[in-house]
N, C-alpha and C. Protein backbone atom coordinates (compact mmCIF):
# COMPACT_ATOMS: atom_id res chain seq x y z
N MET A 1 -37.36 13.45 210.77
CA MET A 1 -37.44 12.96 212.15
C MET A 1 -36.10 13.09 212.86
N ILE A 2 -35.01 12.68 212.16
CA ILE A 2 -33.69 12.78 212.75
C ILE A 2 -33.33 14.22 213.05
N ASN A 3 -33.65 15.12 212.13
CA ASN A 3 -33.34 16.53 212.36
C ASN A 3 -34.11 17.07 213.56
N THR A 4 -35.35 16.60 213.74
CA THR A 4 -36.14 17.02 214.89
C THR A 4 -35.50 16.55 216.18
N ILE A 5 -35.04 15.31 216.20
CA ILE A 5 -34.37 14.77 217.39
C ILE A 5 -33.11 15.55 217.69
N ARG A 6 -32.32 15.85 216.66
CA ARG A 6 -31.10 16.62 216.86
C ARG A 6 -31.41 18.00 217.42
N HIS A 7 -32.49 18.62 216.93
CA HIS A 7 -32.87 19.94 217.42
C HIS A 7 -33.23 19.88 218.91
N ILE A 8 -33.98 18.84 219.28
CA ILE A 8 -34.37 18.67 220.69
C ILE A 8 -33.13 18.48 221.56
N LEU A 9 -32.19 17.65 221.10
CA LEU A 9 -30.98 17.39 221.86
C LEU A 9 -30.15 18.66 222.03
N GLN A 10 -30.10 19.47 220.98
CA GLN A 10 -29.35 20.71 221.07
C GLN A 10 -30.01 21.68 222.04
N ARG A 11 -31.33 21.65 222.14
CA ARG A 11 -32.03 22.49 223.11
C ARG A 11 -31.80 21.99 224.53
N LEU A 12 -31.79 20.65 224.70
CA LEU A 12 -31.56 20.08 226.02
C LEU A 12 -30.13 20.32 226.48
N TYR A 13 -29.18 20.24 225.54
CA TYR A 13 -27.76 20.36 225.87
C TYR A 13 -27.17 21.53 225.08
N PRO A 14 -27.50 22.77 225.47
CA PRO A 14 -27.11 23.93 224.67
C PRO A 14 -25.61 24.16 224.62
N TYR A 15 -24.84 23.50 225.47
CA TYR A 15 -23.40 23.69 225.44
C TYR A 15 -22.68 22.53 224.78
N GLY A 16 -23.41 21.55 224.28
CA GLY A 16 -22.79 20.51 223.49
C GLY A 16 -22.50 21.07 222.10
N GLU A 17 -21.46 20.59 221.45
CA GLU A 17 -21.11 21.10 220.13
C GLU A 17 -21.32 20.00 219.11
N PHE A 18 -22.47 20.02 218.46
CA PHE A 18 -22.78 19.05 217.43
C PHE A 18 -22.20 19.56 216.12
N ARG A 19 -21.34 18.74 215.53
CA ARG A 19 -20.62 19.17 214.34
C ARG A 19 -21.47 18.99 213.09
N THR A 20 -21.02 19.61 212.04
CA THR A 20 -21.67 19.45 210.74
C THR A 20 -20.65 18.91 209.76
N GLY A 21 -21.09 18.62 208.55
CA GLY A 21 -20.20 18.06 207.55
C GLY A 21 -20.36 16.55 207.47
N ARG A 22 -19.60 15.93 206.59
CA ARG A 22 -19.71 14.48 206.37
C ARG A 22 -18.75 13.73 207.30
N ALA A 23 -18.80 14.07 208.57
CA ALA A 23 -17.95 13.41 209.56
C ALA A 23 -18.81 12.97 210.73
N VAL A 24 -18.38 11.90 211.38
CA VAL A 24 -19.00 11.46 212.63
C VAL A 24 -17.87 11.23 213.63
N TYR A 25 -18.24 11.19 214.91
CA TYR A 25 -17.23 11.16 215.98
C TYR A 25 -17.55 10.04 216.96
N LEU A 26 -16.62 9.09 217.07
CA LEU A 26 -16.75 8.03 218.06
C LEU A 26 -16.15 8.51 219.38
N THR A 27 -16.88 8.33 220.47
CA THR A 27 -16.38 8.72 221.78
C THR A 27 -16.55 7.56 222.76
N PHE A 28 -15.63 7.50 223.72
CA PHE A 28 -15.63 6.44 224.73
C PHE A 28 -15.48 7.08 226.11
N ASP A 29 -16.37 6.70 227.02
CA ASP A 29 -16.36 7.26 228.38
C ASP A 29 -15.87 6.24 229.40
N ASP A 30 -15.32 6.75 230.49
CA ASP A 30 -15.10 6.02 231.76
C ASP A 30 -13.76 5.32 231.89
N GLY A 31 -12.95 5.21 230.85
CA GLY A 31 -11.64 4.57 230.96
C GLY A 31 -10.61 5.54 231.53
N PRO A 32 -9.34 5.19 231.39
CA PRO A 32 -8.85 3.98 230.74
C PRO A 32 -8.73 2.83 231.74
N ILE A 33 -9.05 1.62 231.26
CA ILE A 33 -8.88 0.44 232.11
C ILE A 33 -8.25 -0.67 231.27
N PRO A 34 -7.38 -1.49 231.87
CA PRO A 34 -6.65 -2.51 231.10
C PRO A 34 -7.53 -3.63 230.59
N GLU A 35 -8.69 -3.85 231.21
CA GLU A 35 -9.56 -4.94 230.77
C GLU A 35 -10.26 -4.64 229.45
N VAL A 36 -10.38 -3.36 229.10
CA VAL A 36 -11.22 -3.01 227.94
C VAL A 36 -10.51 -2.08 226.96
N THR A 37 -9.92 -1.00 227.45
CA THR A 37 -9.39 0.03 226.56
C THR A 37 -8.41 -0.50 225.52
N PRO A 38 -7.46 -1.38 225.87
CA PRO A 38 -6.55 -1.89 224.84
C PRO A 38 -7.28 -2.61 223.70
N GLN A 39 -8.37 -3.29 224.02
CA GLN A 39 -9.13 -3.98 222.98
C GLN A 39 -9.80 -2.96 222.05
N VAL A 40 -10.27 -1.86 222.62
CA VAL A 40 -10.85 -0.79 221.79
C VAL A 40 -9.78 -0.23 220.86
N LEU A 41 -8.59 0.00 221.40
CA LEU A 41 -7.50 0.55 220.58
C LEU A 41 -7.15 -0.38 219.43
N GLU A 42 -7.17 -1.67 219.67
CA GLU A 42 -6.86 -2.63 218.62
C GLU A 42 -7.90 -2.58 217.50
N ILE A 43 -9.17 -2.45 217.86
CA ILE A 43 -10.22 -2.35 216.85
C ILE A 43 -10.08 -1.06 216.05
N LEU A 44 -9.87 0.06 216.74
CA LEU A 44 -9.72 1.34 216.04
C LEU A 44 -8.53 1.32 215.10
N ASP A 45 -7.43 0.71 215.54
CA ASP A 45 -6.23 0.62 214.71
C ASP A 45 -6.49 -0.25 213.48
N ARG A 46 -7.25 -1.32 213.66
CA ARG A 46 -7.55 -2.23 212.55
C ARG A 46 -8.27 -1.50 211.42
N TYR A 47 -9.13 -0.55 211.79
CA TYR A 47 -9.91 0.17 210.78
C TYR A 47 -9.33 1.56 210.48
N HIS A 48 -8.17 1.87 211.05
CA HIS A 48 -7.49 3.15 210.82
C HIS A 48 -8.39 4.33 211.21
N VAL A 49 -8.96 4.22 212.40
CA VAL A 49 -9.92 5.21 212.89
C VAL A 49 -9.38 5.88 214.16
N LYS A 50 -9.61 7.18 214.27
CA LYS A 50 -9.27 7.92 215.48
C LYS A 50 -10.56 8.26 216.23
N ALA A 51 -10.47 8.29 217.56
CA ALA A 51 -11.64 8.54 218.41
C ALA A 51 -11.25 9.45 219.56
N THR A 52 -12.23 9.74 220.41
CA THR A 52 -12.01 10.59 221.57
C THR A 52 -12.38 9.82 222.83
N PHE A 53 -11.49 9.83 223.80
CA PHE A 53 -11.69 9.12 225.06
C PHE A 53 -11.88 10.13 226.19
N PHE A 54 -13.08 10.13 226.79
CA PHE A 54 -13.35 10.98 227.96
C PHE A 54 -13.00 10.16 229.19
N MET A 55 -11.90 10.55 229.84
CA MET A 55 -11.28 9.71 230.85
C MET A 55 -11.54 10.19 232.27
N VAL A 56 -11.64 9.23 233.16
CA VAL A 56 -11.77 9.48 234.59
C VAL A 56 -10.36 9.59 235.17
N GLY A 57 -10.08 10.69 235.86
CA GLY A 57 -8.74 10.94 236.37
C GLY A 57 -8.20 9.84 237.25
N GLU A 58 -9.05 9.30 238.10
CA GLU A 58 -8.63 8.22 238.99
C GLU A 58 -8.15 7.01 238.20
N ASN A 59 -8.82 6.71 237.09
CA ASN A 59 -8.39 5.59 236.25
C ASN A 59 -7.07 5.88 235.55
N ILE A 60 -6.85 7.13 235.18
CA ILE A 60 -5.57 7.49 234.57
C ILE A 60 -4.43 7.23 235.54
N ASN A 61 -4.62 7.63 236.80
CA ASN A 61 -3.58 7.41 237.80
C ASN A 61 -3.36 5.93 238.08
N LYS A 62 -4.43 5.15 238.03
CA LYS A 62 -4.31 3.71 238.28
C LYS A 62 -3.65 2.98 237.11
N HIS A 63 -3.90 3.48 235.89
CA HIS A 63 -3.45 2.75 234.70
C HIS A 63 -2.74 3.70 233.72
N PRO A 64 -1.63 4.30 234.14
CA PRO A 64 -0.94 5.26 233.27
C PRO A 64 -0.43 4.65 231.97
N ASP A 65 -0.13 3.35 232.00
CA ASP A 65 0.34 2.70 230.79
C ASP A 65 -0.75 2.64 229.72
N VAL A 66 -2.00 2.47 230.16
CA VAL A 66 -3.12 2.44 229.20
C VAL A 66 -3.37 3.85 228.67
N PHE A 67 -3.28 4.84 229.54
CA PHE A 67 -3.40 6.24 229.12
C PHE A 67 -2.35 6.54 228.04
N ARG A 68 -1.14 6.10 228.29
CA ARG A 68 -0.05 6.34 227.34
C ARG A 68 -0.37 5.71 225.98
N ARG A 69 -0.93 4.50 225.99
CA ARG A 69 -1.25 3.83 224.73
C ARG A 69 -2.28 4.63 223.93
N VAL A 70 -3.27 5.18 224.61
CA VAL A 70 -4.29 5.98 223.93
C VAL A 70 -3.65 7.21 223.28
N VAL A 71 -2.84 7.91 224.03
CA VAL A 71 -2.21 9.14 223.54
C VAL A 71 -1.25 8.83 222.40
N GLU A 72 -0.40 7.81 222.58
CA GLU A 72 0.59 7.50 221.56
C GLU A 72 -0.05 6.97 220.27
N ALA A 73 -1.28 6.46 220.37
CA ALA A 73 -2.00 6.01 219.17
C ALA A 73 -2.64 7.17 218.42
N GLY A 74 -2.57 8.37 218.98
CA GLY A 74 -3.07 9.56 218.28
C GLY A 74 -4.51 9.89 218.51
N HIS A 75 -5.12 9.33 219.55
CA HIS A 75 -6.51 9.64 219.85
C HIS A 75 -6.62 10.88 220.74
N SER A 76 -7.77 11.51 220.74
CA SER A 76 -8.01 12.68 221.58
C SER A 76 -8.41 12.24 222.98
N VAL A 77 -8.08 13.07 223.95
CA VAL A 77 -8.40 12.79 225.35
C VAL A 77 -9.23 13.94 225.91
N GLY A 78 -10.31 13.58 226.62
CA GLY A 78 -11.17 14.58 227.25
C GLY A 78 -11.32 14.30 228.74
N ASN A 79 -11.77 15.30 229.46
CA ASN A 79 -11.96 15.27 230.92
C ASN A 79 -13.35 14.72 231.24
N HIS A 80 -13.40 13.74 232.16
CA HIS A 80 -14.67 13.13 232.58
C HIS A 80 -14.79 13.14 234.11
N THR A 81 -14.18 14.15 234.72
CA THR A 81 -14.03 14.36 236.16
C THR A 81 -13.06 13.34 236.75
N TYR A 82 -12.62 13.60 237.97
CA TYR A 82 -11.63 12.71 238.59
C TYR A 82 -12.28 11.45 239.14
N ASN A 83 -13.49 11.56 239.68
CA ASN A 83 -14.15 10.41 240.32
C ASN A 83 -15.48 10.05 239.68
N HIS A 84 -15.67 10.43 238.40
CA HIS A 84 -16.93 10.15 237.71
C HIS A 84 -18.10 10.74 238.49
N GLN A 85 -18.00 12.02 238.77
CA GLN A 85 -19.02 12.69 239.58
C GLN A 85 -20.21 13.15 238.76
N LYS A 86 -21.39 12.89 239.27
CA LYS A 86 -22.63 13.42 238.69
C LYS A 86 -22.83 14.82 239.27
N GLY A 87 -22.75 15.82 238.40
CA GLY A 87 -22.74 17.21 238.85
C GLY A 87 -23.90 17.61 239.73
N ILE A 88 -25.08 17.07 239.46
CA ILE A 88 -26.26 17.50 240.21
C ILE A 88 -26.24 17.03 241.65
N ARG A 89 -25.28 16.22 242.03
CA ARG A 89 -25.16 15.76 243.41
C ARG A 89 -24.14 16.56 244.22
N TYR A 90 -23.49 17.51 243.58
CA TYR A 90 -22.40 18.23 244.24
C TYR A 90 -22.57 19.73 244.11
N SER A 91 -21.98 20.44 245.04
CA SER A 91 -21.95 21.89 244.95
C SER A 91 -21.05 22.30 243.79
N GLN A 92 -21.20 23.52 243.35
CA GLN A 92 -20.37 23.99 242.25
C GLN A 92 -18.89 23.91 242.60
N ALA A 93 -18.53 24.33 243.82
CA ALA A 93 -17.12 24.32 244.23
C ALA A 93 -16.56 22.91 244.23
N GLU A 94 -17.32 21.94 244.74
CA GLU A 94 -16.86 20.56 244.79
C GLU A 94 -16.69 19.98 243.39
N TYR A 95 -17.66 20.28 242.55
CA TYR A 95 -17.64 19.73 241.19
C TYR A 95 -16.49 20.31 240.38
N LEU A 96 -16.33 21.61 240.43
CA LEU A 96 -15.26 22.24 239.66
C LEU A 96 -13.89 21.80 240.16
N ALA A 97 -13.76 21.56 241.46
CA ALA A 97 -12.49 21.08 242.01
C ALA A 97 -12.19 19.68 241.49
N ASN A 98 -13.22 18.85 241.35
CA ASN A 98 -13.02 17.49 240.85
C ASN A 98 -12.62 17.52 239.37
N VAL A 99 -13.24 18.41 238.62
CA VAL A 99 -12.87 18.58 237.21
C VAL A 99 -11.42 19.05 237.11
N ALA A 100 -11.06 20.01 237.95
CA ALA A 100 -9.69 20.54 237.93
C ALA A 100 -8.67 19.46 238.28
N LYS A 101 -9.02 18.58 239.21
CA LYS A 101 -8.11 17.50 239.59
C LYS A 101 -7.89 16.56 238.42
N CYS A 102 -8.93 16.29 237.65
CA CYS A 102 -8.77 15.45 236.46
C CYS A 102 -7.89 16.15 235.43
N ARG A 103 -8.10 17.44 235.24
CA ARG A 103 -7.27 18.18 234.28
C ARG A 103 -5.80 18.13 234.69
N GLU A 104 -5.53 18.34 235.97
CA GLU A 104 -4.15 18.29 236.44
C GLU A 104 -3.54 16.91 236.20
N THR A 105 -4.36 15.87 236.39
CA THR A 105 -3.89 14.51 236.16
C THR A 105 -3.54 14.30 234.69
N ILE A 106 -4.42 14.73 233.80
CA ILE A 106 -4.16 14.59 232.37
C ILE A 106 -2.89 15.33 231.98
N GLU A 107 -2.74 16.57 232.43
CA GLU A 107 -1.58 17.37 232.07
C GLU A 107 -0.29 16.74 232.59
N ARG A 108 -0.32 16.23 233.82
CA ARG A 108 0.87 15.63 234.41
C ARG A 108 1.31 14.40 233.63
N HIS A 109 0.35 13.58 233.25
CA HIS A 109 0.71 12.36 232.51
C HIS A 109 1.12 12.67 231.07
N LEU A 110 0.55 13.71 230.48
CA LEU A 110 1.00 14.11 229.15
C LEU A 110 2.45 14.57 229.19
N GLU A 111 2.82 15.24 230.26
CA GLU A 111 4.19 15.72 230.39
C GLU A 111 5.19 14.57 230.42
N GLU A 112 4.74 13.40 230.84
CA GLU A 112 5.63 12.24 230.97
C GLU A 112 5.73 11.43 229.68
N ILE A 113 4.95 11.82 228.67
CA ILE A 113 4.95 11.08 227.41
C ILE A 113 5.71 11.88 226.36
N ALA A 114 6.85 11.38 225.97
CA ALA A 114 7.67 12.07 224.98
C ALA A 114 6.91 12.23 223.67
N GLY A 115 6.90 13.43 223.16
CA GLY A 115 6.25 13.69 221.88
C GLY A 115 4.76 13.92 221.96
N ALA A 116 4.16 13.80 223.15
CA ALA A 116 2.72 14.02 223.27
C ALA A 116 2.40 15.50 223.10
N ARG A 117 1.27 15.77 222.46
CA ARG A 117 0.85 17.16 222.31
C ARG A 117 0.41 17.69 223.66
N LYS A 118 1.00 18.76 224.11
CA LYS A 118 0.69 19.31 225.41
C LYS A 118 -0.52 20.25 225.33
N ILE A 119 -1.22 20.40 226.42
CA ILE A 119 -2.34 21.33 226.50
C ILE A 119 -1.79 22.75 226.56
N GLN A 120 -2.19 23.58 225.64
CA GLN A 120 -1.68 24.94 225.56
C GLN A 120 -2.48 25.89 226.45
N SER A 121 -1.82 26.90 226.93
CA SER A 121 -2.48 27.92 227.75
C SER A 121 -3.61 28.56 226.96
N GLY A 122 -4.79 28.61 227.55
CA GLY A 122 -5.94 29.22 226.89
C GLY A 122 -6.68 28.28 225.96
N GLU A 123 -6.20 27.07 225.79
CA GLU A 123 -6.85 26.11 224.90
C GLU A 123 -8.18 25.65 225.49
N ARG A 124 -9.17 25.47 224.64
CA ARG A 124 -10.46 24.98 225.10
C ARG A 124 -10.38 23.46 225.25
N LEU A 125 -10.59 22.98 226.43
CA LEU A 125 -10.45 21.56 226.73
C LEU A 125 -11.76 20.83 226.56
N LEU A 126 -11.69 19.59 226.13
CA LEU A 126 -12.88 18.78 225.96
C LEU A 126 -13.35 18.28 227.32
N PHE A 127 -14.65 18.38 227.56
CA PHE A 127 -15.22 17.90 228.83
C PHE A 127 -16.58 17.28 228.56
N ARG A 128 -16.81 16.12 229.18
CA ARG A 128 -18.13 15.50 229.13
C ARG A 128 -18.58 15.20 230.55
N PRO A 129 -19.72 15.74 230.99
CA PRO A 129 -20.22 15.44 232.33
C PRO A 129 -20.63 13.98 232.45
N PRO A 130 -20.17 13.26 233.47
CA PRO A 130 -20.65 11.90 233.68
C PRO A 130 -22.18 11.85 233.75
N TYR A 131 -22.76 10.88 233.10
CA TYR A 131 -24.21 10.70 233.02
C TYR A 131 -24.88 11.83 232.22
N GLY A 132 -24.10 12.75 231.69
CA GLY A 132 -24.68 13.91 231.02
C GLY A 132 -25.36 14.86 231.98
N LYS A 133 -25.05 14.76 233.27
CA LYS A 133 -25.77 15.51 234.29
C LYS A 133 -24.88 16.58 234.93
N ALA A 134 -25.27 17.82 234.80
CA ALA A 134 -24.61 18.93 235.48
C ALA A 134 -25.59 20.09 235.52
N TRP A 135 -25.56 20.84 236.60
CA TRP A 135 -26.44 22.00 236.72
C TRP A 135 -26.05 23.05 235.69
N PHE A 136 -27.02 23.86 235.31
CA PHE A 136 -26.78 24.93 234.34
C PHE A 136 -25.61 25.80 234.77
N TRP A 137 -25.55 26.17 236.04
CA TRP A 137 -24.50 27.07 236.50
C TRP A 137 -23.13 26.38 236.52
N GLN A 138 -23.12 25.06 236.68
CA GLN A 138 -21.86 24.32 236.59
C GLN A 138 -21.35 24.33 235.15
N ARG A 139 -22.26 24.09 234.22
CA ARG A 139 -21.87 24.10 232.81
C ARG A 139 -21.39 25.49 232.38
N ARG A 140 -22.09 26.51 232.85
CA ARG A 140 -21.70 27.89 232.51
C ARG A 140 -20.31 28.20 233.04
N ALA A 141 -20.04 27.78 234.29
CA ALA A 141 -18.72 28.03 234.88
C ALA A 141 -17.63 27.30 234.11
N LEU A 142 -17.92 26.07 233.68
CA LEU A 142 -16.92 25.31 232.94
C LEU A 142 -16.61 25.96 231.60
N ARG A 143 -17.61 26.47 230.94
CA ARG A 143 -17.38 27.16 229.67
C ARG A 143 -16.53 28.40 229.87
N ARG A 144 -16.79 29.12 230.94
CA ARG A 144 -16.01 30.32 231.23
C ARG A 144 -14.56 29.98 231.56
N MET A 145 -14.35 28.75 232.05
CA MET A 145 -13.00 28.29 232.37
C MET A 145 -12.26 27.75 231.15
N GLY A 146 -12.93 27.75 230.02
CA GLY A 146 -12.29 27.31 228.79
C GLY A 146 -12.60 25.91 228.34
N TYR A 147 -13.57 25.26 228.99
CA TYR A 147 -13.93 23.90 228.59
C TYR A 147 -14.95 23.92 227.46
N ARG A 148 -14.83 22.95 226.58
CA ARG A 148 -15.79 22.75 225.50
C ARG A 148 -16.60 21.52 225.86
N LEU A 149 -17.87 21.70 226.21
CA LEU A 149 -18.71 20.60 226.66
C LEU A 149 -19.21 19.80 225.48
N ILE A 150 -18.98 18.50 225.55
CA ILE A 150 -19.35 17.60 224.45
C ILE A 150 -20.34 16.57 224.97
N TYR A 151 -21.53 16.54 224.40
CA TYR A 151 -22.51 15.53 224.74
C TYR A 151 -22.55 14.51 223.59
N TRP A 152 -23.71 14.15 223.13
CA TRP A 152 -23.85 13.14 222.07
C TRP A 152 -25.23 13.24 221.48
N ASP A 153 -25.43 12.67 220.32
CA ASP A 153 -26.78 12.53 219.79
C ASP A 153 -27.10 11.07 219.46
N VAL A 154 -26.11 10.17 219.61
CA VAL A 154 -26.36 8.73 219.46
C VAL A 154 -25.81 8.04 220.70
N LEU A 155 -26.70 7.69 221.62
CA LEU A 155 -26.33 7.00 222.86
C LEU A 155 -26.54 5.50 222.66
N THR A 156 -25.46 4.73 222.63
CA THR A 156 -25.59 3.30 222.33
C THR A 156 -26.21 2.50 223.47
N ARG A 157 -26.12 3.01 224.69
CA ARG A 157 -26.59 2.30 225.88
C ARG A 157 -25.89 0.94 226.03
N ASP A 158 -24.60 0.92 225.70
CA ASP A 158 -23.84 -0.32 225.81
C ASP A 158 -23.70 -0.80 227.25
N TYR A 159 -23.96 0.08 228.20
CA TYR A 159 -23.88 -0.26 229.63
C TYR A 159 -25.13 -0.98 230.13
N ASP A 160 -26.18 -1.02 229.33
CA ASP A 160 -27.48 -1.57 229.74
C ASP A 160 -27.56 -3.04 229.31
N LYS A 161 -27.60 -3.95 230.28
CA LYS A 161 -27.63 -5.38 229.97
C LYS A 161 -28.91 -5.80 229.26
N ASP A 162 -29.94 -4.96 229.30
CA ASP A 162 -31.20 -5.29 228.62
C ASP A 162 -31.21 -4.86 227.16
N VAL A 163 -30.15 -4.17 226.73
CA VAL A 163 -30.03 -3.75 225.33
C VAL A 163 -29.11 -4.72 224.61
N THR A 164 -29.58 -5.32 223.55
CA THR A 164 -28.79 -6.29 222.81
C THR A 164 -27.87 -5.61 221.80
N PRO A 165 -26.80 -6.29 221.39
CA PRO A 165 -25.96 -5.73 220.34
C PRO A 165 -26.73 -5.42 219.07
N GLU A 166 -27.69 -6.26 218.74
CA GLU A 166 -28.50 -6.02 217.54
C GLU A 166 -29.28 -4.71 217.66
N GLN A 167 -29.81 -4.44 218.84
CA GLN A 167 -30.54 -3.19 219.05
C GLN A 167 -29.59 -1.98 218.98
N MET A 168 -28.39 -2.16 219.47
CA MET A 168 -27.40 -1.09 219.41
C MET A 168 -27.05 -0.75 217.97
N VAL A 169 -26.79 -1.78 217.18
CA VAL A 169 -26.45 -1.56 215.78
C VAL A 169 -27.60 -0.88 215.05
N SER A 170 -28.82 -1.34 215.31
CA SER A 170 -29.99 -0.75 214.68
C SER A 170 -30.12 0.73 215.03
N LYS A 171 -29.89 1.06 216.28
CA LYS A 171 -29.99 2.46 216.70
C LYS A 171 -28.93 3.32 216.03
N ILE A 172 -27.72 2.82 215.94
CA ILE A 172 -26.65 3.58 215.27
C ILE A 172 -27.01 3.84 213.82
N ARG A 173 -27.53 2.84 213.14
CA ARG A 173 -27.91 3.02 211.74
C ARG A 173 -29.09 3.98 211.58
N ARG A 174 -29.99 3.94 212.52
CA ARG A 174 -31.20 4.76 212.44
C ARG A 174 -30.94 6.22 212.81
N MET A 175 -30.07 6.43 213.79
CA MET A 175 -29.91 7.77 214.36
C MET A 175 -28.73 8.56 213.80
N THR A 176 -27.74 7.89 213.26
CA THR A 176 -26.54 8.59 212.82
C THR A 176 -26.81 9.42 211.57
N CYS A 177 -26.26 10.62 211.58
CA CYS A 177 -26.31 11.50 210.42
C CYS A 177 -25.04 12.35 210.44
N PRO A 178 -24.77 13.12 209.39
CA PRO A 178 -23.54 13.92 209.38
C PRO A 178 -23.41 14.78 210.64
N GLY A 179 -22.24 14.70 211.27
CA GLY A 179 -22.00 15.46 212.48
C GLY A 179 -22.31 14.72 213.76
N SER A 180 -22.83 13.50 213.68
CA SER A 180 -23.22 12.76 214.88
C SER A 180 -22.02 12.48 215.79
N ILE A 181 -22.29 12.53 217.09
CA ILE A 181 -21.34 12.13 218.11
C ILE A 181 -21.91 10.87 218.76
N ILE A 182 -21.19 9.77 218.59
CA ILE A 182 -21.67 8.46 219.04
C ILE A 182 -21.00 8.11 220.37
N ASN A 183 -21.81 7.73 221.34
CA ASN A 183 -21.32 7.48 222.70
C ASN A 183 -21.21 5.99 223.01
N PHE A 184 -19.97 5.54 223.26
CA PHE A 184 -19.67 4.21 223.77
C PHE A 184 -19.01 4.36 225.14
N HIS A 185 -18.75 3.22 225.81
CA HIS A 185 -18.06 3.22 227.09
C HIS A 185 -16.99 2.13 227.10
N ASP A 186 -15.75 2.51 227.43
CA ASP A 186 -14.72 1.48 227.61
C ASP A 186 -14.66 1.13 229.10
N SER A 187 -15.70 0.43 229.53
CA SER A 187 -15.86 0.04 230.93
C SER A 187 -16.17 -1.46 231.00
N VAL A 188 -15.95 -2.04 232.17
CA VAL A 188 -16.24 -3.46 232.35
C VAL A 188 -17.72 -3.75 232.13
N LYS A 189 -18.57 -2.86 232.61
CA LYS A 189 -20.01 -3.05 232.46
C LYS A 189 -20.44 -3.12 230.99
N SER A 190 -19.76 -2.36 230.15
CA SER A 190 -20.15 -2.26 228.74
C SER A 190 -19.36 -3.19 227.84
N ASN A 191 -18.34 -3.81 228.39
CA ASN A 191 -17.33 -4.51 227.61
C ASN A 191 -17.88 -5.43 226.53
N GLU A 192 -18.67 -6.41 226.92
CA GLU A 192 -19.12 -7.43 225.98
C GLU A 192 -19.94 -6.85 224.83
N ARG A 193 -20.91 -6.01 225.16
CA ARG A 193 -21.79 -5.45 224.12
C ARG A 193 -21.03 -4.45 223.24
N MET A 194 -20.23 -3.60 223.86
CA MET A 194 -19.51 -2.59 223.10
C MET A 194 -18.54 -3.21 222.11
N LEU A 195 -17.77 -4.21 222.56
CA LEU A 195 -16.78 -4.82 221.68
C LEU A 195 -17.44 -5.61 220.55
N ALA A 196 -18.63 -6.12 220.77
CA ALA A 196 -19.36 -6.83 219.72
C ALA A 196 -19.87 -5.87 218.65
N VAL A 197 -20.25 -4.67 219.08
CA VAL A 197 -20.90 -3.72 218.17
C VAL A 197 -19.91 -2.80 217.46
N LEU A 198 -18.82 -2.45 218.13
CA LEU A 198 -17.90 -1.44 217.57
C LEU A 198 -17.42 -1.77 216.16
N PRO A 199 -16.94 -2.97 215.88
CA PRO A 199 -16.52 -3.25 214.50
C PRO A 199 -17.66 -3.13 213.49
N GLN A 200 -18.83 -3.59 213.88
CA GLN A 200 -19.99 -3.48 212.98
C GLN A 200 -20.34 -2.02 212.71
N ALA A 201 -20.28 -1.22 213.75
CA ALA A 201 -20.59 0.20 213.61
C ALA A 201 -19.60 0.89 212.69
N ILE A 202 -18.32 0.63 212.89
CA ILE A 202 -17.30 1.26 212.06
C ILE A 202 -17.46 0.85 210.60
N GLU A 203 -17.66 -0.44 210.36
CA GLU A 203 -17.81 -0.93 208.99
C GLU A 203 -19.01 -0.27 208.31
N TRP A 204 -20.12 -0.17 209.04
CA TRP A 204 -21.31 0.44 208.44
C TRP A 204 -21.07 1.92 208.15
N LEU A 205 -20.47 2.62 209.09
CA LEU A 205 -20.20 4.05 208.89
C LEU A 205 -19.29 4.27 207.69
N GLN A 206 -18.27 3.45 207.55
CA GLN A 206 -17.37 3.59 206.41
C GLN A 206 -18.08 3.25 205.10
N GLN A 207 -18.93 2.25 205.13
CA GLN A 207 -19.70 1.90 203.93
C GLN A 207 -20.63 3.03 203.49
N GLN A 208 -21.13 3.78 204.47
CA GLN A 208 -22.03 4.90 204.17
C GLN A 208 -21.28 6.16 203.74
N GLY A 209 -19.96 6.08 203.74
CA GLY A 209 -19.17 7.22 203.28
C GLY A 209 -18.86 8.25 204.35
N TYR A 210 -19.06 7.90 205.62
CA TYR A 210 -18.74 8.83 206.69
C TYR A 210 -17.23 8.84 206.94
N GLU A 211 -16.73 10.00 207.30
CA GLU A 211 -15.35 10.13 207.77
C GLU A 211 -15.39 10.09 209.30
N ILE A 212 -14.74 9.12 209.89
CA ILE A 212 -14.75 8.97 211.35
C ILE A 212 -13.54 9.71 211.91
N LYS A 213 -13.82 10.70 212.76
CA LYS A 213 -12.75 11.57 213.24
C LYS A 213 -12.77 11.70 214.76
N ALA A 214 -11.66 12.13 215.31
CA ALA A 214 -11.60 12.49 216.72
C ALA A 214 -12.01 13.95 216.86
N LEU A 215 -12.56 14.29 218.01
CA LEU A 215 -12.94 15.68 218.25
C LEU A 215 -11.71 16.53 218.53
């Protein structure tokens, strides 16, 4: 059943890169924000886990100190557009310009952090479309520009007030398999549920013998 679901997801999101092997990947969207992201970093540090943060450029500019903490802790950073844009609502030119603005923001702030790994020329950058929504031609253009589009196969729905932490934990246990990309949000909307579930999720994954890695 799980393999069938993964196959469907790969067909729906042909540019997502679902990994294989005995590793899983924790990802966090929509930060960085001081109300939530530092608490996520503390939990990840407690369990000696690295993750990937898909960041909104506007939030990076508002909270450069939180961005710095993520980078200095050794986590991966990905592009989540500058204004959290849903691609299907914008023209290709508008959308790509917003993505480029986020990239410029990330690069500029990395330059200000001593010892931070810089983005190399020609490097494939991590990108996740907000809401998972982008037109086919937008995704194709992004790939041609060197972006590696990352979706997920375990959506926790931590942003949904009607989803309980217990339901989130159950879904993670039911859906996770080798190579899974698990989607959380370091946002105010998701804060309470995400922070309640994250330690439980990490403990269960480690008990099952998964290696939790950054993309």
